[in-house]
Amino acid sequence: MALWARQVSRWRCLLQTARAAEFPRRLRICSGTAQACRGFASLALLPSRNDVFPWRLQAYRHVSAGSCSPPDSAKDGSFSSPESNLPSPVKQEQAKAETLPDLNAKILYEDWDDIPSSSALEEISEEEAVQIIAEPLLPLRSSTLRDYVDHSETLAKLVNLGVDLSQVEKRQKAGQLLLTLDFEKDIRKILLFLKDVGVEDNQLGPFLTKNPYILAEDVEALETRVAYLKSKKFGKAEIAQMVSRAPYLLLFSVERLDNRLGFFKNELGFSVKKTKDLVIRLPRLLTGKLEPVKENLQVCQIELGFQHNEIQQIVFKTPKILTASKKRLKQTFDYLHNIMGIPHHMLTRFPQVFNSKLLRIKERHMFLTFLGRAQYDPAQPSYISLDQLVSLPDEVFCTEIAKASIQDFEKFLKTL
């Protein structure tokens, strides 16, 4: 049954094509009215069950006074041809034009699906060959986003924005995320939000390089987190600084941000103002893990021997000590306190010394000891503060603190 319906559909399409090519439009005139109406002859295809398909062209003309109704001849079952109602000149012209093609069974049964298409091996001219542009194939899998830049408008625009895709693809599932996003629909609104928060245009590329996951966040959720920071009395410039320096900050929910602020306030015994100042200067305290912070606080109190109020001063002046390596922290303290003889209260006054490289401290202290100028007691003459020891450039340190030339210092370092 399905095969029969398919054949009928093909024959009907063939007949309509022939009719469109051979038959002009007819002008139908409705008798009994002062107005002429235009009509179309309807084509009826009536296949029999015995696979004999006679084709009959029947035209139905409906005429009445002021309306289109069947004539009297139609009531008897006989229909007059549409040509009999046309003027003589028109009938003569249509008699010449209306010639049906010979549609025999062989043509009707021809399967149009079997008509061969042009072959890929068909020879073409050199001019046609030059005009063929072969598009590079899109790799199904790749370990780098570089292979997709030429195929993705989103990636191309991100590169122009300053995003380093070689760094982005190192982050888990970040590359797959970018390939699923549309720049206009998904990314542009995030960029506008970041600019509204205060991220500068030249910072957008580096920001997205560090945190591409923000592109999958809902803008309303991001706005809610910014509103929370404003409710905690963070100013617009302070929020912009925090977001720029800690790109993952806005991925944290309001609850997590609130818990982080409460942790530092309670653990350190800070006031609200001091807690705000602490996280403004080092906003990644809100986004990093809390375990290293807890461990460093215990190291300062138990292993290094600082009192609670001394730890408060050290942390407030040098917040990075909370995220420093425990091993480096203990090695630096050991050299300063046990080798150089710096007491706890002096280290509390100059905690920035813990951020300096231990090798630099050793080289300069040994050079001062060689010159006989290693004096770190403020009550003694020729006192040298820890700040001067570690912060000054080599040239200034040699001329103003060691009272020697840079060449002497370089020669001394070669003896170590």
Protein backbone atom coordinates (compact mmCIF):
# COMPACT_ATOMS: atom_id res chain seq x y z
CA MET A 1 0.00 0.00 0.00
CA ALA A 2 2.84 2.35 0.85
CA LEU A 3 4.52 1.55 -2.51
CA TRP A 4 1.28 2.30 -4.39
CA ALA A 5 0.90 5.65 -2.60
CA ARG A 6 4.50 6.53 -3.40
CA GLN A 7 4.01 5.78 -7.11
CA VAL A 8 0.83 7.84 -7.21
CA SER A 9 2.65 10.78 -5.61
CA ARG A 10 5.41 10.61 -8.25
CA TRP A 11 2.94 10.39 -11.13
CA ARG A 12 0.99 13.33 -9.80
CA CYS A 13 4.19 15.40 -9.55
CA LEU A 14 5.10 14.43 -13.16
CA LEU A 15 1.67 15.35 -14.46
CA GLN A 16 1.67 18.70 -12.66
CA THR A 17 5.07 19.49 -14.16
CA ALA A 18 3.82 18.68 -17.65
CA ARG A 19 0.64 20.69 -17.07
CA ALA A 20 2.64 23.73 -15.89
CA ALA A 21 4.82 23.55 -19.01
CA GLU A 22 2.06 22.95 -21.59
CA PHE A 23 -1.09 24.65 -20.35
CA PRO A 24 -1.55 28.44 -20.33
CA ARG A 25 -3.89 30.07 -17.91
CA ARG A 26 -7.51 30.08 -18.97
CA LEU A 27 -9.82 32.91 -18.61
CA ARG A 28 -13.13 31.73 -17.28
CA ILE A 29 -16.16 33.82 -17.89
CA CYS A 30 -19.22 33.51 -15.73
CA SER A 31 -22.36 33.85 -17.91
CA GLY A 32 -25.38 35.71 -16.61
CA THR A 33 -23.24 38.31 -14.79
CA ALA A 34 -21.79 41.63 -15.80
CA GLN A 35 -18.50 40.78 -14.06
CA ALA A 36 -16.00 38.19 -15.34
CA CYS A 37 -14.38 35.84 -12.80
CA ARG A 38 -11.13 34.01 -13.24
CA GLY A 39 -11.06 30.22 -12.63
CA PHE A 40 -8.78 27.25 -12.83
CA ALA A 41 -9.37 23.85 -14.34
CA SER A 42 -9.05 21.10 -11.80
CA LEU A 43 -7.22 17.98 -12.69
CA ALA A 44 -8.61 14.66 -11.37
CA LEU A 45 -6.47 11.57 -11.20
CA LEU A 46 -8.51 8.39 -10.64
CA PRO A 47 -6.40 5.21 -10.60
CA SER A 48 -8.21 1.86 -10.75
CA ARG A 49 -7.44 -1.22 -8.67
CA ASN A 50 -6.32 -3.19 -11.79
CA ASP A 51 -3.15 -1.07 -12.26
CA VAL A 52 -4.79 0.66 -15.23
CA PHE A 53 -4.42 4.42 -14.81
CA PRO A 54 -6.52 6.38 -17.32
CA TRP A 55 -5.98 10.09 -17.06
CA ARG A 56 -9.02 12.34 -17.38
CA LEU A 57 -8.98 16.07 -17.53
CA GLN A 58 -12.23 17.43 -16.13
CA ALA A 59 -13.14 21.03 -15.71
CA TYR A 60 -15.86 22.19 -13.42
CA ARG A 61 -17.50 25.44 -14.15
CA HIS A 62 -19.95 26.92 -11.73
CA VAL A 63 -22.19 29.63 -13.06
CA SER A 64 -25.22 31.32 -11.56
CA ALA A 65 -26.77 34.73 -11.53
CA GLY A 66 -24.48 36.68 -9.21
CA SER A 67 -22.86 33.52 -7.73
CA CYS A 68 -20.97 30.43 -8.80
CA SER A 69 -23.40 27.45 -8.77
CA PRO A 70 -23.53 24.34 -10.97
CA PRO A 71 -25.42 24.73 -14.29
CA ASP A 72 -28.40 22.61 -15.28
CA SER A 73 -26.28 20.25 -17.28
CA ALA A 74 -24.34 19.42 -14.12
CA LYS A 75 -27.53 18.28 -12.44
CA ASP A 76 -28.03 15.60 -15.08
CA GLY A 77 -24.56 14.26 -14.45
CA SER A 78 -23.06 15.72 -17.65
CA PHE A 79 -20.56 18.57 -17.66
CA SER A 80 -19.79 20.88 -20.51
CA SER A 81 -16.11 21.46 -21.19
CA PRO A 82 -14.68 24.81 -20.17
CA GLU A 83 -13.66 25.49 -23.76
CA SER A 84 -17.31 25.56 -24.89
CA ASN A 85 -17.94 28.66 -22.78
CA LEU A 86 -15.05 30.67 -24.21
CA PRO A 87 -15.22 32.94 -27.32
CA SER A 88 -14.25 31.35 -30.63
CA PRO A 89 -10.85 33.07 -31.06
CA VAL A 90 -9.81 31.96 -27.59
CA LYS A 91 -10.95 28.37 -28.25
CA GLN A 92 -8.90 28.25 -31.46
CA GLU A 93 -5.76 29.48 -29.70
CA GLN A 94 -6.17 27.05 -26.81
CA ALA A 95 -6.84 24.17 -29.19
CA LYS A 96 -3.33 24.67 -30.53
CA ALA A 97 -1.75 25.10 -27.10
CA GLU A 98 -3.50 22.33 -25.18
CA THR A 99 -1.60 19.29 -26.32
CA LEU A 100 -0.91 16.76 -23.58
CA PRO A 101 2.41 14.91 -23.72
CA ASP A 102 2.25 11.23 -24.40
CA LEU A 103 2.43 9.82 -20.87
CA ASN A 104 2.76 6.11 -21.43
CA ALA A 105 3.17 3.54 -18.72
CA LYS A 106 6.92 3.32 -19.18
CA ILE A 107 7.43 6.98 -18.28
CA LEU A 108 4.96 6.83 -15.43
CA TYR A 109 6.69 3.87 -13.83
CA GLU A 110 10.15 5.44 -14.11
CA ASP A 111 11.61 5.90 -10.63
CA TRP A 112 12.96 9.42 -10.22
CA ASP A 113 15.05 8.35 -7.22
CA ASP A 114 17.17 6.20 -9.56
CA ILE A 115 18.31 9.15 -11.66
CA PRO A 116 22.10 9.30 -11.11
CA SER A 117 23.51 12.47 -9.58
CA SER A 118 26.76 14.10 -10.57
CA SER A 119 29.74 11.98 -9.55
CA ALA A 120 32.56 13.17 -7.29
CA LEU A 121 34.96 11.64 -9.83
CA GLU A 122 33.60 13.68 -12.71
CA GLU A 123 36.25 15.71 -14.51
CA ILE A 124 36.04 19.50 -14.21
CA SER A 125 37.88 22.34 -15.89
CA GLU A 126 40.89 24.09 -14.36
CA GLU A 127 38.85 27.28 -13.88
CA GLU A 128 36.26 25.40 -11.85
CA ALA A 129 38.96 23.62 -9.84
CA VAL A 130 40.60 26.92 -8.87
CA GLN A 131 37.27 28.27 -7.59
CA ILE A 132 36.75 25.34 -5.19
CA ILE A 133 37.54 26.36 -1.60
CA ALA A 134 38.17 23.47 0.77
CA GLU A 135 37.18 24.31 4.32
CA PRO A 136 39.43 22.83 7.04
CA LEU A 137 37.79 20.00 8.92
CA LEU A 138 36.71 20.63 12.50
CA PRO A 139 38.46 18.11 14.77
CA LEU A 140 36.09 15.89 16.73
CA ARG A 141 38.49 15.82 19.68
CA SER A 142 41.49 17.95 20.56
CA SER A 143 43.68 18.70 23.54
CA THR A 144 43.97 22.40 22.68
CA LEU A 145 41.50 25.19 21.96
CA ARG A 146 43.81 26.47 19.23
CA ASP A 147 42.29 23.99 16.77
CA TYR A 148 38.83 25.53 17.24
CA VAL A 149 39.64 29.26 17.09
CA ASP A 150 39.20 29.47 13.30
CA HIS A 151 35.79 27.76 13.57
CA SER A 152 34.43 29.58 16.64
CA GLU A 153 33.44 33.24 16.61
CA THR A 154 33.24 33.13 20.42
CA LEU A 155 36.85 31.98 20.83
CA ALA A 156 38.09 34.49 18.27
CA LYS A 157 36.43 37.37 20.13
CA LEU A 158 37.79 36.18 23.47
CA VAL A 159 41.31 36.11 22.02
CA ASN A 160 40.85 39.68 20.77
CA LEU A 161 39.70 40.60 24.26
CA GLY A 162 43.02 39.34 25.67
CA VAL A 163 42.03 35.92 27.00
CA ASP A 164 44.94 33.45 27.03
CA LEU A 165 43.35 30.23 25.80
CA SER A 166 46.52 28.24 26.50
CA GLN A 167 45.99 28.98 30.19
CA VAL A 168 42.23 28.52 30.10
CA GLU A 169 42.46 25.00 28.67
CA LYS A 170 44.58 23.94 31.65
CA ARG A 171 41.60 24.49 33.94
CA GLN A 172 39.22 21.60 34.38
CA LYS A 173 36.39 21.61 31.81
CA ALA A 174 36.98 25.30 31.04
CA GLY A 175 37.70 24.59 27.36
CA GLN A 176 34.47 22.61 26.92
CA LEU A 177 32.58 25.45 28.59
CA LEU A 178 33.84 28.09 26.15
CA LEU A 179 32.92 25.93 23.15
CA THR A 180 29.30 25.75 24.32
CA LEU A 181 28.84 29.50 24.84
CA ASP A 182 27.61 32.14 22.41
CA PHE A 183 29.41 35.46 22.67
CA GLU A 184 26.38 37.67 22.08
CA LYS A 185 23.90 35.65 24.17
CA ASP A 186 26.07 34.36 27.03
CA ILE A 187 29.31 36.33 27.31
CA ARG A 188 28.48 39.95 26.48
CA LYS A 189 26.16 40.36 29.50
CA ILE A 190 28.89 39.07 31.84
CA LEU A 191 31.40 41.52 30.39
CA LEU A 192 28.97 44.40 30.86
CA PHE A 193 28.39 43.30 34.45
CA LEU A 194 32.13 43.19 35.21
CA LYS A 195 32.64 46.64 33.73
CA ASP A 196 29.76 47.92 35.84
CA VAL A 197 31.39 46.44 38.95
CA GLY A 198 34.59 48.30 38.13
CA VAL A 199 36.85 45.90 36.25
CA GLU A 200 38.84 47.91 33.69
CA ASP A 201 38.72 47.07 29.98
CA ASN A 202 42.37 46.03 29.93
CA GLN A 203 41.73 43.72 32.89
CA LEU A 204 38.85 41.77 31.33
CA GLY A 205 41.10 39.42 29.35
CA PRO A 206 43.37 38.51 32.30
CA PHE A 207 40.31 38.23 34.56
CA LEU A 208 38.58 35.68 32.29
CA THR A 209 41.88 33.84 31.82
CA LYS A 210 42.00 33.24 35.57
CA ASN A 211 38.27 32.66 36.02
CA PRO A 212 36.47 31.52 32.83
CA TYR A 213 33.80 29.81 34.95
CA ILE A 214 32.12 33.14 35.69
CA LEU A 215 30.80 33.06 32.11
CA ALA A 216 28.42 30.27 33.13
CA GLU A 217 27.05 32.19 36.13
CA ASP A 218 23.65 33.86 36.23
CA VAL A 219 23.90 37.66 36.20
CA GLU A 220 21.22 38.00 38.87
CA ALA A 221 23.21 35.76 41.22
CA LEU A 222 26.35 37.85 40.63
CA GLU A 223 24.44 41.06 41.31
CA THR A 224 23.13 39.57 44.57
CA ARG A 225 26.70 38.87 45.77
CA VAL A 226 27.81 42.40 44.95
CA ALA A 227 24.77 43.75 46.79
CA TYR A 228 25.82 41.70 49.84
CA LEU A 229 29.29 43.27 49.86
CA LYS A 230 27.71 46.72 49.62
CA SER A 231 25.48 45.86 52.58
CA LYS A 232 28.67 45.14 54.58
CA LYS A 233 29.80 48.73 53.87
CA PHE A 234 32.36 47.88 51.20
CA GLY A 235 32.68 50.83 48.83
CA LYS A 236 32.43 50.58 45.04
CA ALA A 237 36.17 51.13 44.56
CA GLU A 238 36.94 48.54 47.27
CA ILE A 239 34.66 45.96 45.63
CA ALA A 240 36.27 46.62 42.25
CA GLN A 241 39.73 46.11 43.80
CA MET A 242 38.67 42.90 45.54
CA VAL A 243 37.04 41.42 42.42
CA SER A 244 40.05 42.30 40.23
CA ARG A 245 42.60 40.84 42.66
CA ALA A 246 40.50 37.77 43.53
CA PRO A 247 38.70 36.73 40.31
CA TYR A 248 36.94 33.79 42.02
CA LEU A 249 35.34 36.01 44.66
CA LEU A 250 32.00 36.38 42.85
CA LEU A 251 31.65 32.61 42.42
CA PHE A 252 31.03 32.34 46.18
CA SER A 253 27.45 32.46 47.36
CA VAL A 254 26.29 35.05 49.87
CA GLU A 255 26.29 32.40 52.61
CA ARG A 256 29.90 31.39 51.97
CA LEU A 257 31.08 35.00 51.85
CA ASP A 258 29.33 35.70 55.13
CA ASN A 259 30.91 32.61 56.74
CA ARG A 260 34.38 33.63 55.56
CA LEU A 261 34.09 37.14 56.98
CA GLY A 262 32.79 35.71 60.25
CA PHE A 263 35.69 33.26 60.45
CA PHE A 264 38.43 35.91 60.25
CA LYS A 265 36.58 38.21 62.62
CA ASN A 266 36.16 35.51 65.27
CA GLU A 267 39.44 33.61 64.78
CA LEU A 268 41.63 36.72 64.95
CA GLY A 269 39.44 38.69 67.32
CA PHE A 270 39.27 41.63 64.92
CA SER A 271 36.66 44.34 64.83
CA VAL A 272 34.38 44.67 61.82
CA LYS A 273 36.49 47.54 60.47
CA LYS A 274 39.78 45.64 60.83
CA THR A 275 38.26 42.54 59.24
CA LYS A 276 37.13 44.60 56.24
CA ASP A 277 40.57 46.19 55.94
CA LEU A 278 42.22 42.76 56.09
CA VAL A 279 40.18 41.24 53.24
CA ILE A 280 40.42 44.41 51.12
CA ARG A 281 44.23 44.18 51.19
CA LEU A 282 44.23 40.40 50.62
CA PRO A 283 40.83 39.43 49.12
CA ARG A 284 41.97 35.91 48.25
CA LEU A 285 41.59 35.14 51.94
CA LEU A 286 37.87 34.92 51.14
CA THR A 287 38.38 32.49 48.24
CA GLY A 288 41.25 30.30 49.44
CA LYS A 289 41.15 27.25 51.69
CA LEU A 290 40.80 27.86 55.40
CA GLU A 291 42.91 24.89 56.56
CA PRO A 292 46.30 26.52 55.73
CA VAL A 293 45.17 29.66 57.55
CA LYS A 294 44.29 27.69 60.69
CA GLU A 295 47.60 25.79 60.54
CA ASN A 296 49.69 28.97 60.18
CA LEU A 297 47.94 30.55 63.16
CA GLN A 298 48.78 27.48 65.24
CA VAL A 299 52.41 27.53 64.02
CA CYS A 300 52.79 31.19 65.02
CA GLN A 301 51.36 30.55 68.47
CA ILE A 302 52.70 27.11 69.37
CA GLU A 303 55.96 26.63 67.42
CA LEU A 304 57.16 30.23 67.04
CA GLY A 305 55.99 31.36 70.46
CA PHE A 306 54.08 34.53 69.60
CA GLN A 307 51.34 35.80 71.89
CA HIS A 308 47.78 36.27 70.66
CA ASN A 309 48.05 40.07 70.56
CA GLU A 310 51.39 39.77 68.69
CA ILE A 311 49.77 37.48 66.13
CA GLN A 312 47.00 40.05 65.65
CA GLN A 313 49.58 42.77 64.92
CA ILE A 314 51.60 40.55 62.59
CA VAL A 315 48.55 39.44 60.60
CA PHE A 316 47.06 42.93 60.36
CA LYS A 317 50.35 44.39 59.08
CA THR A 318 51.26 41.44 56.86
CA PRO A 319 48.15 39.42 55.85
CA LYS A 320 50.21 37.20 53.53
CA ILE A 321 51.64 35.42 56.54
CA LEU A 322 48.32 33.57 56.79
CA THR A 323 48.86 31.94 53.39
CA ALA A 324 52.65 31.53 53.52
CA SER A 325 54.36 28.15 53.42
CA LYS A 326 54.68 26.71 56.90
CA LYS A 327 58.13 25.38 56.14
CA ARG A 328 59.43 28.74 54.87
CA LEU A 329 57.77 30.53 57.77
CA LYS A 330 59.56 28.36 60.33
CA GLN A 331 62.92 28.55 58.51
CA THR A 332 62.78 32.34 58.31
CA PHE A 333 61.85 32.69 61.97
CA ASP A 334 64.61 30.29 63.00
CA TYR A 335 67.28 32.30 61.19
CA LEU A 336 66.01 35.69 62.38
CA HIS A 337 65.47 34.70 65.99
CA ASN A 338 68.14 32.07 66.68
CA ILE A 339 70.97 33.17 64.33
CA MET A 340 70.53 36.93 64.13
CA GLY A 341 69.12 37.24 67.65
CA ILE A 342 66.01 39.23 66.77
CA PRO A 343 63.51 39.07 69.67
CA HIS A 344 59.75 38.49 69.27
CA HIS A 345 58.74 42.10 69.90
CA MET A 346 61.08 43.30 67.12
CA LEU A 347 59.65 40.75 64.69
CA THR A 348 56.19 41.96 65.67
CA ARG A 349 57.16 45.52 64.75
CA PHE A 350 58.61 44.49 61.35
CA PRO A 351 56.62 41.41 60.26
CA GLN A 352 57.22 42.20 56.57
CA VAL A 353 60.56 40.46 57.02
CA PHE A 354 58.66 37.16 56.78
CA ASN A 355 57.74 38.02 53.18
CA SER A 356 61.39 38.36 52.14
CA LYS A 357 63.50 35.62 50.64
CA LEU A 358 65.57 33.82 53.23
CA LEU A 359 68.62 33.81 50.92
CA ARG A 360 68.56 37.61 50.70
CA ILE A 361 68.39 37.92 54.48
CA LYS A 362 71.34 35.52 54.89
CA GLU A 363 73.55 37.25 52.27
CA ARG A 364 73.05 40.74 53.68
CA HIS A 365 73.39 39.68 57.33
CA MET A 366 76.61 37.79 56.59
CA PHE A 367 78.03 40.79 54.68
CA LEU A 368 77.20 43.13 57.58
CA THR A 369 78.75 40.65 60.01
CA PHE A 370 81.90 40.56 57.84
CA LEU A 371 82.06 44.37 57.99
CA GLY A 372 81.24 44.44 61.69
CA ARG A 373 78.03 46.39 61.19
CA ALA A 374 75.40 43.76 62.05
CA GLN A 375 73.61 45.78 64.75
CA TYR A 376 69.86 45.26 65.13
CA ASP A 377 69.29 46.63 68.62
CA PRO A 378 67.60 50.04 68.48
CA ALA A 379 69.22 50.98 71.81
CA GLN A 380 72.73 50.63 70.30
CA PRO A 381 74.53 52.99 67.88
CA SER A 382 74.62 52.18 64.13
CA TYR A 383 71.26 50.47 64.50
CA ILE A 384 69.94 48.76 61.35
CA SER A 385 66.23 48.09 61.19
CA LEU A 386 64.83 44.92 59.68
CA ASP A 387 62.94 47.02 57.17
CA GLN A 388 66.18 48.54 55.86
CA LEU A 389 67.82 45.14 55.84
CA VAL A 390 65.33 43.54 53.44
CA SER A 391 63.56 46.30 51.48
CA LEU A 392 66.35 48.48 50.06
CA PRO A 393 67.92 47.76 46.63
CA ASP A 394 71.47 46.36 46.63
CA GLU A 395 73.08 49.66 45.61
CA VAL A 396 71.34 51.66 48.34
CA PHE A 397 71.92 48.92 50.92
CA CYS A 398 75.65 48.89 50.18
CA THR A 399 76.23 52.67 50.15
CA GLU A 400 73.88 53.74 52.98
CA ILE A 401 73.69 50.74 55.32
CA ALA A 402 76.87 48.71 54.78
CA LYS A 403 79.00 51.75 53.88
CA ALA A 404 80.66 49.77 51.09
CA SER A 405 80.56 49.57 47.30
CA ILE A 406 78.40 47.24 45.27
CA GLN A 407 81.60 45.68 43.90
CA ASP A 408 82.69 44.74 47.43
CA PHE A 409 79.33 43.10 48.04
CA GLU A 410 79.51 41.13 44.79
CA LYS A 411 83.06 39.93 45.59
CA PHE A 412 81.90 38.82 49.03
CA LEU A 413 79.01 36.82 47.59
CA LYS A 414 81.49 34.92 45.41
CA THR A 415 83.25 33.66 48.54
CA LEU A 416 80.11 32.05 49.95
